[in-house]
Amino acid sequence: MIELGGNIKLVNFEGLEPALLIVVKKVVGNYTKKISESLNEFKSIEVTLVNKENNEIKVKVEANKSYESNAKDKNLFFALDKCLSVILKE
């Protein structure tokens, strides 16, 4: 598990190439900022790479209530974007 900041956790991302991991951290960081501004009492976000083979992502956000989202795509970044954008729209 990789912790960014204290309220952001990346689970199962340890095996990614360093260049990919940098982009994942940037994307998650930018979305977390937007999500924390739009949700009351934002506490934490956990992004899990469920399956590396088909880029399945699961996001769980703790705020005044819990939010969850799942997505998978051939492209890791598209899956990440789909998953985080669903949370942002809620």
C-alpha atoms as a PDB file:
ATOM      1  CA  MET A   1       0.000   0.000   0.000  1.00  0.00           C
ATOM      2  CA  ILE A   2       1.196   3.490  -0.869  1.00  0.00           C
ATOM      3  CA  GLU A   3       0.032   6.458   1.196  1.00  0.00           C
ATOM      4  CA  LEU A   4      -0.109   9.921  -0.312  1.00  0.00           C
ATOM      5  CA  GLY A   5      -0.734  12.700   2.139  1.00  0.00           C
ATOM      6  CA  GLY A   6      -2.431  10.705   4.862  1.00  0.00           C
ATOM      7  CA  ASN A   7      -5.927  10.608   3.465  1.00  0.00           C
ATOM      8  CA  ILE A   8      -5.046   8.961   0.106  1.00  0.00           C
ATOM      9  CA  LYS A   9      -4.216   5.244  -0.143  1.00  0.00           C
ATOM     10  CA  LEU A  10      -3.177   3.356  -3.262  1.00  0.00           C
ATOM     11  CA  VAL A  11      -3.547  -0.412  -2.875  1.00  0.00           C
ATOM     12  CA  ASN A  12      -1.830  -2.968  -5.155  1.00  0.00           C
ATOM     13  CA  PHE A  13      -0.037  -0.305  -7.233  1.00  0.00           C
ATOM     14  CA  GLU A  14       3.438  -1.278  -5.987  1.00  0.00           C
ATOM     15  CA  GLY A  15       4.282  -3.374  -9.065  1.00  0.00           C
ATOM     16  CA  LEU A  16       3.660  -0.637 -11.628  1.00  0.00           C
ATOM     17  CA  GLU A  17       6.455   0.933 -13.619  1.00  0.00           C
ATOM     18  CA  PRO A  18       7.698   4.129 -11.927  1.00  0.00           C
ATOM     19  CA  ALA A  19       6.574   6.322 -14.855  1.00  0.00           C
ATOM     20  CA  LEU A  20       3.032   4.911 -14.727  1.00  0.00           C
ATOM     21  CA  LEU A  21       2.919   5.280 -10.948  1.00  0.00           C
ATOM     22  CA  ILE A  22       3.814   8.974 -11.185  1.00  0.00           C
ATOM     23  CA  VAL A  23       0.876   9.588 -13.539  1.00  0.00           C
ATOM     24  CA  VAL A  24      -1.482   7.551 -11.316  1.00  0.00           C
ATOM     25  CA  LYS A  25      -0.448   9.643  -8.303  1.00  0.00           C
ATOM     26  CA  LYS A  26      -1.060  12.900 -10.217  1.00  0.00           C
ATOM     27  CA  VAL A  27      -4.485  11.783 -11.472  1.00  0.00           C
ATOM     28  CA  VAL A  28      -5.585  10.537  -8.051  1.00  0.00           C
ATOM     29  CA  GLY A  29      -4.240  13.672  -6.359  1.00  0.00           C
ATOM     30  CA  ASN A  30      -6.103  16.006  -8.741  1.00  0.00           C
ATOM     31  CA  TYR A  31      -9.373  14.098  -8.396  1.00  0.00           C
ATOM     32  CA  THR A  32      -8.994  13.914  -4.616  1.00  0.00           C
ATOM     33  CA  LYS A  33      -8.685  17.680  -4.436  1.00  0.00           C
ATOM     34  CA  LYS A  34     -11.877  18.120  -6.482  1.00  0.00           C
ATOM     35  CA  ILE A  35     -13.736  15.426  -4.524  1.00  0.00           C
ATOM     36  CA  SER A  36     -12.700  16.854  -1.146  1.00  0.00           C
ATOM     37  CA  GLU A  37     -13.958  20.293  -2.205  1.00  0.00           C
ATOM     38  CA  SER A  38     -17.324  18.923  -3.352  1.00  0.00           C
ATOM     39  CA  LEU A  39     -18.067  16.521  -0.468  1.00  0.00           C
ATOM     40  CA  ASN A  40     -18.916  17.511   3.078  1.00  0.00           C
ATOM     41  CA  GLU A  41     -16.622  16.105   5.763  1.00  0.00           C
ATOM     42  CA  PHE A  42     -14.187  14.383   3.365  1.00  0.00           C
ATOM     43  CA  LYS A  43     -12.038  11.930   5.345  1.00  0.00           C
ATOM     44  CA  SER A  44     -10.177   9.597   2.992  1.00  0.00           C
ATOM     45  CA  ILE A  45      -9.960   7.942  -0.404  1.00  0.00           C
ATOM     46  CA  GLU A  46      -8.717   4.444  -1.176  1.00  0.00           C
ATOM     47  CA  VAL A  47      -7.936   3.449  -4.762  1.00  0.00           C
ATOM     48  CA  THR A  48      -7.405  -0.273  -5.337  1.00  0.00           C
ATOM     49  CA  LEU A  49      -6.000  -1.954  -8.433  1.00  0.00           C
ATOM     50  CA  VAL A  50      -8.152  -5.076  -8.192  1.00  0.00           C
ATOM     51  CA  ASN A  51      -6.826  -6.808 -11.297  1.00  0.00           C
ATOM     52  CA  LYS A  52      -3.653  -5.713 -13.104  1.00  0.00           C
ATOM     53  CA  GLU A  53      -4.398  -7.866 -16.158  1.00  0.00           C
ATOM     54  CA  ASN A  54      -7.593  -6.059 -17.173  1.00  0.00           C
ATOM     55  CA  ASN A  55      -7.012  -2.783 -15.292  1.00  0.00           C
ATOM     56  CA  GLU A  56      -9.915  -3.149 -12.863  1.00  0.00           C
ATOM     57  CA  ILE A  57     -10.072  -0.250 -10.409  1.00  0.00           C
ATOM     58  CA  LYS A  58     -12.120   0.166  -7.235  1.00  0.00           C
ATOM     59  CA  VAL A  59     -12.452   3.491  -5.410  1.00  0.00           C
ATOM     60  CA  LYS A  60     -13.839   3.989  -1.919  1.00  0.00           C
ATOM     61  CA  VAL A  61     -14.337   7.455  -0.439  1.00  0.00           C
ATOM     62  CA  GLU A  62     -15.164   8.131   3.195  1.00  0.00           C
ATOM     63  CA  ALA A  63     -16.915  11.410   3.926  1.00  0.00           C
ATOM     64  CA  ASN A  64     -20.210  12.163   5.642  1.00  0.00           C
ATOM     65  CA  LYS A  65     -21.182   8.829   4.002  1.00  0.00           C
ATOM     66  CA  SER A  66     -19.338   6.180   1.987  1.00  0.00           C
ATOM     67  CA  TYR A  67     -19.059   6.252  -1.793  1.00  0.00           C
ATOM     68  CA  GLU A  68     -17.831   3.390  -3.979  1.00  0.00           C
ATOM     69  CA  SER A  69     -17.147   2.965  -7.665  1.00  0.00           C
ATOM     70  CA  ASN A  70     -15.723   0.245  -9.917  1.00  0.00           C
ATOM     71  CA  ALA A  71     -14.435   0.367 -13.481  1.00  0.00           C
ATOM     72  CA  LYS A  72     -12.230  -1.553 -15.866  1.00  0.00           C
ATOM     73  CA  ASP A  73     -10.771  -0.678 -19.217  1.00  0.00           C
ATOM     74  CA  LYS A  74      -7.960  -1.782 -21.522  1.00  0.00           C
ATOM     75  CA  ASN A  75      -6.195   1.431 -20.529  1.00  0.00           C
ATOM     76  CA  LEU A  76      -5.328   1.877 -16.838  1.00  0.00           C
ATOM     77  CA  PHE A  77      -5.771   5.650 -16.969  1.00  0.00           C
ATOM     78  CA  PHE A  78      -9.200   5.445 -18.626  1.00  0.00           C
ATOM     79  CA  ALA A  79     -10.346   3.000 -15.932  1.00  0.00           C
ATOM     80  CA  LEU A  80      -9.012   5.305 -13.223  1.00  0.00           C
ATOM     81  CA  ASP A  81     -10.703   8.327 -14.789  1.00  0.00           C
ATOM     82  CA  LYS A  82     -14.065   6.527 -15.148  1.00  0.00           C
ATOM     83  CA  CYS A  83     -14.008   5.368 -11.555  1.00  0.00           C
ATOM     84  CA  LEU A  84     -13.024   8.710 -10.022  1.00  0.00           C
ATOM     85  CA  SER A  85     -15.388  10.743 -12.197  1.00  0.00           C
ATOM     86  CA  VAL A  86     -18.354   8.671 -10.963  1.00  0.00           C
ATOM     87  CA  ILE A  87     -17.459   9.578  -7.367  1.00  0.00           C
ATOM     88  CA  LEU A  88     -17.038  13.235  -8.298  1.00  0.00           C
ATOM     89  CA  LYS A  89     -20.513  13.360  -9.877  1.00  0.00           C
ATOM     90  CA  GLU A  90     -22.226  11.962  -6.753  1.00  0.00           C
END
